[in-house]
Amino acid sequence: DYEIFYPWKEQECPVTAKGFVQPYADSPMDEENVGEHVYLQIINNAKEYVYINTPYLIVDDSVLSALCLAAKSGVDVRIVTPHRWDKLLVHMTTRSYYRELIKAGVKIYEYSKGFIHSKTFVSDDKTATVGTTNLDFRSLYLHFECGALLYESNAVMEVKEDFLHTLEICQQVTEKDCNANIVIRLLQDILRLFAPLM
């Protein structure tokens, strides 16, 4: 009788959760860019949608290309960033990516009620991640970060619902907004050269 070796009987403690939650950590001390790989995996495997909350959007070519390609492939890619900034130059650099992303079909929104510091991805009602990793060079390559990858867990839908609720109090950025001031565009292009330092 193997039941005597079980710490509890299944009928006394039924398993109600589904899916799984996989914690992960990222370190600049090794050659593994775990945070970036998690994000790229979600973007590249999306079939219907990818919704992203991030306080900063300063990415390298691999993430930028993945976002643009997903949108061009018909995936509904939406990104929420803060309208109010905590660091002006970083905020201007974040906005320097808008034009290229919007042209590719990515929908950009700015959270207008304050500063949003959430870092979440959710995709296709199946996969989500919540953690400390920003979409910027420092966070992806230089900082110690951590997160949790959710797959077919009940929490995935909670992350989606939170994103959609946040979206209600955001303003969508248009291509016209990005082309408004040539002086600001020039400054953004200059700041983009220093993106790896931000």
N, C-alpha and C. Protein backbone atom coordinates (compact mmCIF):
# COMPACT_ATOMS: atom_id res chain seq x y z
N ASP A 1 0.85 -1.19 0.00
CA ASP A 1 0.00 0.00 0.00
C ASP A 1 0.89 1.24 0.00
N TYR A 2 0.91 1.96 -1.13
CA TYR A 2 1.78 3.11 -1.27
C TYR A 2 1.25 4.36 -0.57
N GLU A 3 -0.01 4.37 -0.21
CA GLU A 3 -0.61 5.57 0.39
C GLU A 3 0.08 6.00 1.67
N ILE A 4 0.68 5.06 2.37
CA ILE A 4 1.34 5.44 3.63
C ILE A 4 2.55 6.33 3.38
N PHE A 5 3.07 6.34 2.14
CA PHE A 5 4.23 7.16 1.82
C PHE A 5 3.86 8.55 1.32
N TYR A 6 2.57 8.79 1.05
CA TYR A 6 2.13 10.10 0.59
C TYR A 6 2.04 11.04 1.77
N PRO A 7 2.47 12.30 1.61
CA PRO A 7 2.34 13.26 2.72
C PRO A 7 0.88 13.59 3.02
N TRP A 8 0.00 13.44 2.04
CA TRP A 8 -1.43 13.62 2.27
C TRP A 8 -2.19 12.78 1.25
N LYS A 9 -3.43 12.57 1.54
CA LYS A 9 -4.27 11.82 0.60
C LYS A 9 -4.92 12.81 -0.35
N GLU A 10 -5.01 12.45 -1.61
CA GLU A 10 -5.56 13.36 -2.61
C GLU A 10 -6.97 13.79 -2.29
N GLN A 11 -7.78 12.89 -1.72
CA GLN A 11 -9.16 13.27 -1.42
C GLN A 11 -9.23 14.29 -0.29
N GLU A 12 -8.20 14.34 0.56
CA GLU A 12 -8.17 15.32 1.66
C GLU A 12 -7.66 16.68 1.18
N CYS A 13 -6.83 16.68 0.16
CA CYS A 13 -6.25 17.92 -0.34
C CYS A 13 -6.26 17.88 -1.87
N PRO A 14 -7.42 18.13 -2.48
CA PRO A 14 -7.52 18.02 -3.94
C PRO A 14 -6.69 19.10 -4.64
N VAL A 15 -6.14 18.75 -5.78
CA VAL A 15 -5.39 19.70 -6.59
C VAL A 15 -6.39 20.48 -7.44
N THR A 16 -6.47 21.80 -7.20
CA THR A 16 -7.45 22.62 -7.92
C THR A 16 -6.80 23.51 -8.97
N ALA A 17 -5.50 23.72 -8.86
CA ALA A 17 -4.81 24.60 -9.80
C ALA A 17 -4.56 23.87 -11.11
N LYS A 18 -4.41 24.67 -12.18
CA LYS A 18 -4.03 24.07 -13.46
C LYS A 18 -2.85 24.84 -14.02
N GLY A 19 -2.20 24.27 -14.99
CA GLY A 19 -1.04 24.92 -15.58
C GLY A 19 0.15 24.88 -14.64
N PHE A 20 1.10 25.79 -14.90
CA PHE A 20 2.25 25.84 -14.01
C PHE A 20 2.80 27.26 -13.92
N VAL A 21 3.57 27.48 -12.86
CA VAL A 21 4.27 28.74 -12.63
C VAL A 21 5.75 28.41 -12.49
N GLN A 22 6.57 29.00 -13.33
CA GLN A 22 8.01 28.73 -13.30
C GLN A 22 8.78 30.00 -12.94
N PRO A 23 9.29 30.10 -11.71
CA PRO A 23 10.12 31.25 -11.37
C PRO A 23 11.43 31.22 -12.17
N TYR A 24 11.97 32.39 -12.45
CA TYR A 24 13.27 32.46 -13.13
C TYR A 24 14.04 33.66 -12.62
N ALA A 25 15.35 33.60 -12.79
CA ALA A 25 16.23 34.70 -12.37
C ALA A 25 17.18 35.01 -13.51
N ASP A 26 17.63 36.25 -13.55
CA ASP A 26 18.55 36.70 -14.59
C ASP A 26 19.72 37.39 -13.91
N SER A 27 20.92 37.10 -14.39
CA SER A 27 22.13 37.64 -13.77
C SER A 27 23.09 38.14 -14.83
N PRO A 28 23.76 39.27 -14.57
CA PRO A 28 24.79 39.73 -15.50
C PRO A 28 26.09 38.93 -15.38
N MET A 29 26.13 37.99 -14.43
CA MET A 29 27.35 37.23 -14.16
C MET A 29 27.50 36.00 -15.06
N ASP A 30 26.48 35.71 -15.87
CA ASP A 30 26.59 34.58 -16.79
C ASP A 30 26.27 35.04 -18.21
N GLU A 31 26.30 34.13 -19.13
CA GLU A 31 26.07 34.47 -20.54
C GLU A 31 24.61 34.28 -20.95
N GLU A 32 23.75 33.99 -20.00
CA GLU A 32 22.34 33.73 -20.30
C GLU A 32 21.51 34.99 -20.09
N ASN A 33 20.85 35.46 -21.12
CA ASN A 33 19.94 36.60 -21.01
C ASN A 33 18.53 36.07 -20.82
N VAL A 34 18.27 35.53 -19.63
CA VAL A 34 17.03 34.81 -19.38
C VAL A 34 15.80 35.69 -19.58
N GLY A 35 15.83 36.90 -19.02
CA GLY A 35 14.68 37.80 -19.15
C GLY A 35 14.35 38.09 -20.60
N GLU A 36 15.37 38.41 -21.39
CA GLU A 36 15.15 38.68 -22.81
C GLU A 36 14.63 37.44 -23.53
N HIS A 37 15.16 36.27 -23.19
CA HIS A 37 14.72 35.04 -23.85
C HIS A 37 13.26 34.73 -23.53
N VAL A 38 12.85 34.97 -22.28
CA VAL A 38 11.44 34.76 -21.91
C VAL A 38 10.56 35.69 -22.74
N TYR A 39 10.93 36.97 -22.81
CA TYR A 39 10.14 37.94 -23.57
C TYR A 39 10.08 37.57 -25.05
N LEU A 40 11.22 37.22 -25.63
CA LEU A 40 11.25 36.86 -27.05
C LEU A 40 10.43 35.60 -27.33
N GLN A 41 10.49 34.66 -26.42
CA GLN A 41 9.73 33.42 -26.59
C GLN A 41 8.23 33.71 -26.63
N ILE A 42 7.77 34.59 -25.74
CA ILE A 42 6.35 34.95 -25.72
C ILE A 42 5.96 35.67 -27.01
N ILE A 43 6.77 36.64 -27.42
CA ILE A 43 6.46 37.40 -28.65
C ILE A 43 6.46 36.48 -29.87
N ASN A 44 7.49 35.66 -29.99
CA ASN A 44 7.65 34.82 -31.19
C ASN A 44 6.62 33.70 -31.29
N ASN A 45 6.07 33.26 -30.16
CA ASN A 45 5.09 32.18 -30.18
C ASN A 45 3.64 32.67 -30.20
N ALA A 46 3.45 33.98 -30.13
CA ALA A 46 2.08 34.53 -30.11
C ALA A 46 1.38 34.28 -31.44
N LYS A 47 0.13 33.89 -31.36
CA LYS A 47 -0.69 33.67 -32.56
C LYS A 47 -1.79 34.73 -32.67
N GLU A 48 -2.33 35.16 -31.53
CA GLU A 48 -3.45 36.10 -31.53
C GLU A 48 -3.07 37.47 -30.97
N TYR A 49 -2.48 37.49 -29.80
CA TYR A 49 -2.15 38.79 -29.19
C TYR A 49 -0.96 38.68 -28.24
N VAL A 50 -0.32 39.82 -28.04
CA VAL A 50 0.68 40.02 -26.98
C VAL A 50 0.40 41.38 -26.38
N TYR A 51 0.14 41.43 -25.08
CA TYR A 51 -0.09 42.69 -24.37
C TYR A 51 1.06 42.89 -23.39
N ILE A 52 1.63 44.09 -23.41
CA ILE A 52 2.84 44.37 -22.63
C ILE A 52 2.66 45.64 -21.81
N ASN A 53 2.99 45.56 -20.53
CA ASN A 53 3.13 46.74 -19.67
C ASN A 53 4.62 46.91 -19.39
N THR A 54 5.15 48.10 -19.60
CA THR A 54 6.55 48.35 -19.28
C THR A 54 6.77 49.83 -18.99
N PRO A 55 7.55 50.16 -17.96
CA PRO A 55 7.81 51.57 -17.69
C PRO A 55 8.80 52.19 -18.67
N TYR A 56 9.65 51.35 -19.27
CA TYR A 56 10.65 51.83 -20.23
C TYR A 56 10.63 50.92 -21.46
N LEU A 57 10.87 51.52 -22.61
CA LEU A 57 10.87 50.76 -23.87
C LEU A 57 12.11 51.17 -24.66
N ILE A 58 13.24 50.59 -24.25
CA ILE A 58 14.52 50.90 -24.89
C ILE A 58 15.16 49.56 -25.22
N VAL A 59 14.91 49.08 -26.42
CA VAL A 59 15.23 47.69 -26.74
C VAL A 59 16.27 47.58 -27.86
N ASP A 60 16.87 46.40 -27.95
CA ASP A 60 17.82 46.15 -29.03
C ASP A 60 17.08 45.67 -30.28
N ASP A 61 17.83 45.41 -31.32
CA ASP A 61 17.23 45.04 -32.61
C ASP A 61 16.44 43.74 -32.55
N SER A 62 16.88 42.78 -31.72
CA SER A 62 16.18 41.49 -31.68
C SER A 62 14.76 41.64 -31.14
N VAL A 63 14.61 42.39 -30.06
CA VAL A 63 13.27 42.60 -29.49
C VAL A 63 12.44 43.49 -30.40
N LEU A 64 13.05 44.55 -30.92
CA LEU A 64 12.34 45.46 -31.82
C LEU A 64 11.85 44.71 -33.06
N SER A 65 12.70 43.91 -33.65
CA SER A 65 12.32 43.13 -34.84
C SER A 65 11.22 42.13 -34.52
N ALA A 66 11.32 41.48 -33.35
CA ALA A 66 10.30 40.50 -32.96
C ALA A 66 8.94 41.17 -32.80
N LEU A 67 8.90 42.34 -32.17
CA LEU A 67 7.64 43.06 -31.99
C LEU A 67 7.05 43.47 -33.34
N CYS A 68 7.90 44.02 -34.22
CA CYS A 68 7.42 44.46 -35.54
C CYS A 68 6.95 43.29 -36.38
N LEU A 69 7.70 42.20 -36.37
CA LEU A 69 7.34 41.02 -37.16
C LEU A 69 6.03 40.41 -36.67
N ALA A 70 5.86 40.36 -35.35
CA ALA A 70 4.61 39.82 -34.79
C ALA A 70 3.42 40.65 -35.27
N ALA A 71 3.55 41.98 -35.19
CA ALA A 71 2.45 42.86 -35.63
C ALA A 71 2.19 42.70 -37.13
N LYS A 72 3.24 42.63 -37.92
CA LYS A 72 3.08 42.47 -39.37
C LYS A 72 2.48 41.11 -39.73
N SER A 73 2.62 40.14 -38.83
CA SER A 73 2.06 38.80 -39.05
C SER A 73 0.60 38.70 -38.63
N GLY A 74 0.04 39.80 -38.14
CA GLY A 74 -1.36 39.80 -37.75
C GLY A 74 -1.62 39.63 -36.27
N VAL A 75 -0.56 39.54 -35.47
CA VAL A 75 -0.71 39.45 -34.02
C VAL A 75 -1.06 40.83 -33.48
N ASP A 76 -2.03 40.89 -32.58
CA ASP A 76 -2.43 42.15 -31.94
C ASP A 76 -1.41 42.47 -30.84
N VAL A 77 -0.46 43.35 -31.16
CA VAL A 77 0.59 43.72 -30.21
C VAL A 77 0.24 45.08 -29.63
N ARG A 78 0.09 45.12 -28.32
CA ARG A 78 -0.22 46.38 -27.62
C ARG A 78 0.79 46.58 -26.50
N ILE A 79 1.30 47.79 -26.41
CA ILE A 79 2.28 48.12 -25.37
C ILE A 79 1.80 49.34 -24.61
N VAL A 80 1.80 49.25 -23.28
CA VAL A 80 1.46 50.38 -22.43
C VAL A 80 2.73 50.87 -21.74
N THR A 81 3.01 52.17 -21.89
CA THR A 81 4.12 52.83 -21.20
C THR A 81 3.54 54.02 -20.43
N PRO A 82 4.29 54.60 -19.51
CA PRO A 82 3.75 55.74 -18.75
C PRO A 82 3.74 57.03 -19.57
N HIS A 83 2.71 57.84 -19.36
CA HIS A 83 2.67 59.18 -19.97
C HIS A 83 3.52 60.14 -19.14
N ARG A 84 3.46 59.97 -17.82
CA ARG A 84 4.30 60.77 -16.92
C ARG A 84 5.62 60.04 -16.74
N TRP A 85 6.69 60.78 -16.69
CA TRP A 85 8.01 60.16 -16.66
C TRP A 85 8.67 60.35 -15.31
N ASP A 86 9.60 59.45 -15.00
CA ASP A 86 10.44 59.62 -13.82
C ASP A 86 11.84 60.09 -14.21
N LYS A 87 12.24 59.80 -15.47
CA LYS A 87 13.54 60.25 -15.99
C LYS A 87 13.29 60.79 -17.39
N LEU A 88 13.46 62.07 -17.58
CA LEU A 88 13.08 62.72 -18.84
C LEU A 88 13.80 62.13 -20.06
N LEU A 89 15.12 61.99 -19.99
CA LEU A 89 15.86 61.50 -21.16
C LEU A 89 15.49 60.05 -21.50
N VAL A 90 15.25 59.25 -20.47
CA VAL A 90 14.84 57.86 -20.69
C VAL A 90 13.45 57.83 -21.33
N HIS A 91 12.58 58.72 -20.87
CA HIS A 91 11.23 58.79 -21.43
C HIS A 91 11.27 59.22 -22.91
N MET A 92 12.12 60.19 -23.21
CA MET A 92 12.25 60.64 -24.60
C MET A 92 12.83 59.52 -25.48
N THR A 93 13.75 58.75 -24.92
CA THR A 93 14.31 57.62 -25.67
C THR A 93 13.25 56.55 -25.90
N THR A 94 12.44 56.28 -24.88
CA THR A 94 11.32 55.35 -25.03
C THR A 94 10.44 55.78 -26.20
N ARG A 95 10.10 57.06 -26.24
CA ARG A 95 9.22 57.56 -27.30
C ARG A 95 9.88 57.51 -28.68
N SER A 96 11.20 57.44 -28.73
CA SER A 96 11.88 57.38 -30.03
C SER A 96 11.59 56.07 -30.77
N TYR A 97 11.12 55.06 -30.05
CA TYR A 97 10.79 53.77 -30.68
C TYR A 97 9.35 53.73 -31.21
N TYR A 98 8.53 54.66 -30.78
CA TYR A 98 7.11 54.61 -31.13
C TYR A 98 6.86 54.59 -32.63
N ARG A 99 7.51 55.50 -33.35
CA ARG A 99 7.25 55.69 -34.78
C ARG A 99 7.44 54.38 -35.54
N GLU A 100 8.56 53.73 -35.32
CA GLU A 100 8.88 52.49 -36.02
C GLU A 100 7.89 51.38 -35.65
N LEU A 101 7.55 51.29 -34.38
CA LEU A 101 6.61 50.25 -33.93
C LEU A 101 5.21 50.48 -34.48
N ILE A 102 4.75 51.72 -34.44
CA ILE A 102 3.40 52.04 -34.93
C ILE A 102 3.30 51.78 -36.44
N LYS A 103 4.35 52.13 -37.18
CA LYS A 103 4.36 51.86 -38.63
C LYS A 103 4.23 50.37 -38.92
N ALA A 104 4.78 49.54 -38.03
CA ALA A 104 4.71 48.08 -38.21
C ALA A 104 3.37 47.50 -37.79
N GLY A 105 2.54 48.32 -37.11
CA GLY A 105 1.23 47.84 -36.69
C GLY A 105 1.08 47.63 -35.19
N VAL A 106 2.14 47.90 -34.43
CA VAL A 106 2.05 47.80 -32.97
C VAL A 106 1.23 48.97 -32.45
N LYS A 107 0.35 48.70 -31.50
CA LYS A 107 -0.46 49.76 -30.88
C LYS A 107 0.23 50.19 -29.58
N ILE A 108 0.51 51.49 -29.49
CA ILE A 108 1.19 52.04 -28.32
C ILE A 108 0.20 52.88 -27.54
N TYR A 109 0.19 52.69 -26.23
CA TYR A 109 -0.68 53.46 -25.33
C TYR A 109 0.17 54.04 -24.21
N GLU A 110 -0.23 55.22 -23.74
CA GLU A 110 0.43 55.80 -22.57
C GLU A 110 -0.56 55.91 -21.43
N TYR A 111 -0.14 55.40 -20.29
CA TYR A 111 -0.95 55.42 -19.07
C TYR A 111 -0.97 56.85 -18.54
N SER A 112 -2.17 57.42 -18.45
CA SER A 112 -2.28 58.86 -18.19
C SER A 112 -2.55 59.23 -16.73
N LYS A 113 -2.77 58.24 -15.87
CA LYS A 113 -3.12 58.56 -14.47
C LYS A 113 -1.91 58.75 -13.57
N GLY A 114 -0.73 58.48 -14.08
CA GLY A 114 0.48 58.59 -13.27
C GLY A 114 1.58 57.78 -13.91
N PHE A 115 2.54 57.37 -13.09
CA PHE A 115 3.65 56.56 -13.59
C PHE A 115 3.31 55.08 -13.40
N ILE A 116 3.45 54.30 -14.45
CA ILE A 116 3.18 52.87 -14.36
C ILE A 116 4.52 52.13 -14.29
N HIS A 117 4.67 51.28 -13.29
CA HIS A 117 5.94 50.58 -13.09
C HIS A 117 5.79 49.08 -13.28
N SER A 118 4.68 48.66 -13.83
CA SER A 118 4.38 47.25 -14.04
C SER A 118 5.18 46.69 -15.20
N LYS A 119 5.67 45.44 -15.03
CA LYS A 119 6.38 44.74 -16.11
C LYS A 119 5.67 43.42 -16.34
N THR A 120 4.76 43.40 -17.30
CA THR A 120 4.01 42.17 -17.57
C THR A 120 3.90 41.93 -19.07
N PHE A 121 3.87 40.67 -19.44
CA PHE A 121 3.54 40.22 -20.79
C PHE A 121 2.41 39.22 -20.63
N VAL A 122 1.45 39.24 -21.53
CA VAL A 122 0.42 38.20 -21.56
C VAL A 122 0.10 37.92 -23.02
N SER A 123 -0.11 36.64 -23.34
CA SER A 123 -0.31 36.26 -24.74
C SER A 123 -1.28 35.10 -24.87
N ASP A 124 -2.23 35.26 -25.79
CA ASP A 124 -3.10 34.16 -26.27
C ASP A 124 -3.87 33.43 -25.18
N ASP A 125 -4.13 34.07 -24.06
CA ASP A 125 -4.86 33.46 -22.93
C ASP A 125 -4.15 32.22 -22.39
N LYS A 126 -2.87 32.07 -22.70
CA LYS A 126 -2.13 30.88 -22.26
C LYS A 126 -0.89 31.21 -21.46
N THR A 127 -0.18 32.25 -21.88
CA THR A 127 1.15 32.52 -21.31
C THR A 127 1.22 33.94 -20.78
N ALA A 128 1.90 34.10 -19.66
CA ALA A 128 2.14 35.44 -19.11
C ALA A 128 3.44 35.41 -18.32
N THR A 129 4.00 36.57 -18.10
CA THR A 129 5.12 36.69 -17.18
C THR A 129 4.97 37.98 -16.40
N VAL A 130 5.35 37.92 -15.14
CA VAL A 130 5.33 39.06 -14.24
C VAL A 130 6.67 39.07 -13.53
N GLY A 131 7.30 40.23 -13.45
CA GLY A 131 8.60 40.25 -12.78
C GLY A 131 9.18 41.64 -12.68
N THR A 132 10.50 41.69 -12.57
CA THR A 132 11.20 42.95 -12.36
C THR A 132 11.91 43.46 -13.61
N THR A 133 11.89 42.68 -14.69
CA THR A 133 12.70 42.99 -15.87
C THR A 133 12.02 44.03 -16.76
N ASN A 134 12.64 45.21 -16.84
CA ASN A 134 12.17 46.26 -17.76
C ASN A 134 12.60 45.92 -19.18
N LEU A 135 11.95 46.55 -20.14
CA LEU A 135 12.37 46.43 -21.54
C LEU A 135 13.39 47.52 -21.83
N ASP A 136 14.55 47.40 -21.19
CA ASP A 136 15.66 48.31 -21.47
C ASP A 136 16.98 47.56 -21.35
N PHE A 137 18.03 48.16 -21.85
CA PHE A 137 19.33 47.49 -21.89
C PHE A 137 19.85 47.15 -20.49
N ARG A 138 19.72 48.08 -19.55
CA ARG A 138 20.23 47.84 -18.19
C ARG A 138 19.57 46.62 -17.57
N SER A 139 18.27 46.58 -17.67
CA SER A 139 17.51 45.50 -17.05
C SER A 139 17.76 44.17 -17.75
N LEU A 140 17.84 44.19 -19.07
CA LEU A 140 18.00 42.95 -19.83
C LEU A 140 19.41 42.38 -19.77
N TYR A 141 20.42 43.26 -19.60
CA TYR A 141 21.81 42.78 -19.70
C TYR A 141 22.69 43.08 -18.49
N LEU A 142 22.35 44.07 -17.66
CA LEU A 142 23.28 44.50 -16.62
C LEU A 142 22.79 44.28 -15.19
N HIS A 143 21.51 44.12 -14.98
CA HIS A 143 20.96 44.03 -13.62
C HIS A 143 20.60 42.60 -13.24
N PHE A 144 20.55 42.37 -11.94
CA PHE A 144 19.98 41.13 -11.42
C PHE A 144 18.46 41.29 -11.43
N GLU A 145 17.74 40.39 -12.07
CA GLU A 145 16.29 40.49 -12.19
C GLU A 145 15.65 39.13 -11.90
N CYS A 146 14.36 39.13 -11.70
CA CYS A 146 13.65 37.87 -11.50
C CYS A 146 12.22 38.01 -12.01
N GLY A 147 11.56 36.88 -12.16
CA GLY A 147 10.19 36.89 -12.63
C GLY A 147 9.57 35.52 -12.50
N ALA A 148 8.34 35.43 -12.93
CA ALA A 148 7.63 34.14 -12.95
C ALA A 148 6.94 34.01 -14.30
N LEU A 149 7.16 32.88 -14.94
CA LEU A 149 6.50 32.55 -16.20
C LEU A 149 5.27 31.71 -15.88
N LEU A 150 4.12 32.14 -16.37
CA LEU A 150 2.86 31.44 -16.11
C LEU A 150 2.40 30.79 -17.41
N TYR A 151 2.00 29.53 -17.33
CA TYR A 151 1.50 28.85 -18.53
C TYR A 151 0.21 28.11 -18.19
N GLU A 152 -0.86 28.48 -18.89
CA GLU A 152 -2.18 27.88 -18.70
C GLU A 152 -2.59 27.85 -17.23
N SER A 153 -2.16 28.86 -16.51
CA SER A 153 -2.54 29.03 -15.11
C SER A 153 -3.72 29.99 -15.05
N ASN A 154 -4.52 29.88 -13.99
CA ASN A 154 -5.65 30.81 -13.81
C ASN A 154 -5.16 32.26 -13.75
N ALA A 155 -3.94 32.44 -13.26
CA ALA A 155 -3.39 33.79 -13.11
C ALA A 155 -3.15 34.48 -14.45
N VAL A 156 -3.02 33.72 -15.53
CA VAL A 156 -2.81 34.32 -16.86
C VAL A 156 -3.97 35.25 -17.21
N MET A 157 -5.18 34.80 -16.96
CA MET A 157 -6.35 35.62 -17.27
C MET A 157 -6.44 36.84 -16.36
N GLU A 158 -5.93 36.72 -15.14
CA GLU A 158 -5.91 37.88 -14.23
C GLU A 158 -4.94 38.94 -14.75
N VAL A 159 -3.80 38.50 -15.29
CA VAL A 159 -2.85 39.44 -15.88
C VAL A 159 -3.48 40.14 -17.08
N LYS A 160 -4.21 39.38 -17.90
CA LYS A 160 -4.90 39.96 -19.06
C LYS A 160 -5.96 40.97 -18.62
N GLU A 161 -6.77 40.60 -17.64
CA GLU A 161 -7.82 41.50 -17.15
C GLU A 161 -7.23 42.78 -16.59
N ASP A 162 -6.11 42.67 -15.88
CA ASP A 162 -5.44 43.85 -15.35
C ASP A 162 -4.96 44.75 -16.48
N PHE A 163 -4.41 44.15 -17.54
CA PHE A 163 -3.95 44.93 -18.68
C PHE A 163 -5.12 45.67 -19.33
N LEU A 164 -6.22 44.96 -19.57
CA LEU A 164 -7.38 45.58 -20.23
C LEU A 164 -7.98 46.68 -19.38
N HIS A 165 -7.96 46.49 -18.06
CA HIS A 165 -8.45 47.55 -17.16
C HIS A 165 -7.53 48.77 -17.25
N THR A 166 -6.23 48.54 -17.28
CA THR A 166 -5.26 49.63 -17.42
C THR A 166 -5.46 50.36 -18.74
N LEU A 167 -5.75 49.61 -19.79
CA LEU A 167 -5.92 50.18 -21.13
C LEU A 167 -7.05 51.20 -21.17
N GLU A 168 -8.06 51.01 -20.32
CA GLU A 168 -9.21 51.92 -20.28
C GLU A 168 -8.81 53.33 -19.85
N ILE A 169 -7.71 53.45 -19.12
CA ILE A 169 -7.29 54.78 -18.65
C ILE A 169 -5.98 55.19 -19.32
N CYS A 170 -5.82 54.76 -20.56
CA CYS A 170 -4.65 55.13 -21.37
C CYS A 170 -5.09 55.91 -22.59
N GLN A 171 -4.16 56.64 -23.16
CA GLN A 171 -4.43 57.30 -24.44
C GLN A 171 -3.54 56.66 -25.50
N GLN A 172 -4.15 56.37 -26.66
CA GLN A 172 -3.39 55.73 -27.73
C GLN A 172 -2.52 56.76 -28.44
N VAL A 173 -1.29 56.37 -28.73
CA VAL A 173 -0.35 57.22 -29.46
C VAL A 173 -0.50 56.91 -30.95
N THR A 174 -0.61 57.95 -31.76
CA THR A 174 -0.76 57.77 -33.20
C THR A 174 0.55 58.15 -33.90
N GLU A 175 0.64 57.78 -35.17
CA GLU A 175 1.82 58.15 -35.95
C GLU A 175 1.92 59.66 -36.09
N LYS A 176 0.78 60.31 -36.14
CA LYS A 176 0.76 61.78 -36.21
C LYS A 176 1.38 62.39 -34.96
N ASP A 177 1.09 61.80 -33.79
CA ASP A 177 1.69 62.29 -32.55
C ASP A 177 3.21 62.21 -32.60
N CYS A 178 3.71 61.15 -33.22
CA CYS A 178 5.17 60.93 -33.29
C CYS A 178 5.86 61.90 -34.23
N ASN A 179 5.13 62.44 -35.20
CA ASN A 179 5.72 63.32 -36.19
C ASN A 179 5.48 64.80 -35.89
N ALA A 180 4.97 65.09 -34.71
CA ALA A 180 4.50 66.44 -34.41
C ALA A 180 5.60 67.50 -34.43
N ASN A 181 6.75 67.24 -33.84
CA ASN A 181 7.77 68.27 -33.67
C ASN A 181 9.12 67.75 -34.17
N ILE A 182 9.65 68.39 -35.19
CA ILE A 182 10.91 67.90 -35.80
C ILE A 182 12.10 68.07 -34.86
N VAL A 183 12.08 69.08 -34.00
CA VAL A 183 13.18 69.28 -33.04
C VAL A 183 13.21 68.14 -32.03
N ILE A 184 12.03 67.77 -31.53
CA ILE A 184 11.94 66.65 -30.58
C ILE A 184 12.36 65.35 -31.26
N ARG A 185 11.95 65.17 -32.50
CA ARG A 185 12.34 63.96 -33.24
C ARG A 185 13.86 63.88 -33.40
N LEU A 186 14.48 65.00 -33.68
CA LEU A 186 15.94 65.04 -33.83
C LEU A 186 16.62 64.69 -32.51
N LEU A 187 16.12 65.26 -31.42
CA LEU A 187 16.67 64.97 -30.09
C LEU A 187 16.49 63.49 -29.75
N GLN A 188 15.32 62.94 -30.08
CA GLN A 188 15.08 61.52 -29.82
C GLN A 188 16.04 60.64 -30.61
N ASP A 189 16.31 61.01 -31.85
CA ASP A 189 17.24 60.23 -32.67
C ASP A 189 18.65 60.27 -32.10
N ILE A 190 19.04 61.42 -31.55
CA ILE A 190 20.36 61.53 -30.92
C ILE A 190 20.40 60.67 -29.65
N LEU A 191 19.34 60.75 -28.85
CA LEU A 191 19.28 59.95 -27.62
C LEU A 191 19.30 58.46 -27.92
N ARG A 192 18.73 58.08 -29.03
CA ARG A 192 18.68 56.66 -29.41
C ARG A 192 20.09 56.09 -29.58
N LEU A 193 21.04 56.93 -29.96
CA LEU A 193 22.43 56.49 -30.09
C LEU A 193 23.00 56.04 -28.74
N PHE A 194 22.47 56.64 -27.66
CA PHE A 194 22.96 56.33 -26.32
C PHE A 194 22.06 55.33 -25.59
N ALA A 195 21.12 54.73 -26.31
CA ALA A 195 20.16 53.80 -25.69
C ALA A 195 20.82 52.69 -24.87
N PRO A 196 21.93 52.09 -25.33
CA PRO A 196 22.54 51.02 -24.53
C PRO A 196 23.04 51.47 -23.16
N LEU A 197 23.19 52.78 -22.96
CA LEU A 197 23.64 53.29 -21.66
C LEU A 197 22.49 53.59 -20.73
N MET A 198 21.25 53.51 -21.21
CA MET A 198 20.09 53.89 -20.40
C MET A 198 19.40 52.70 -19.79
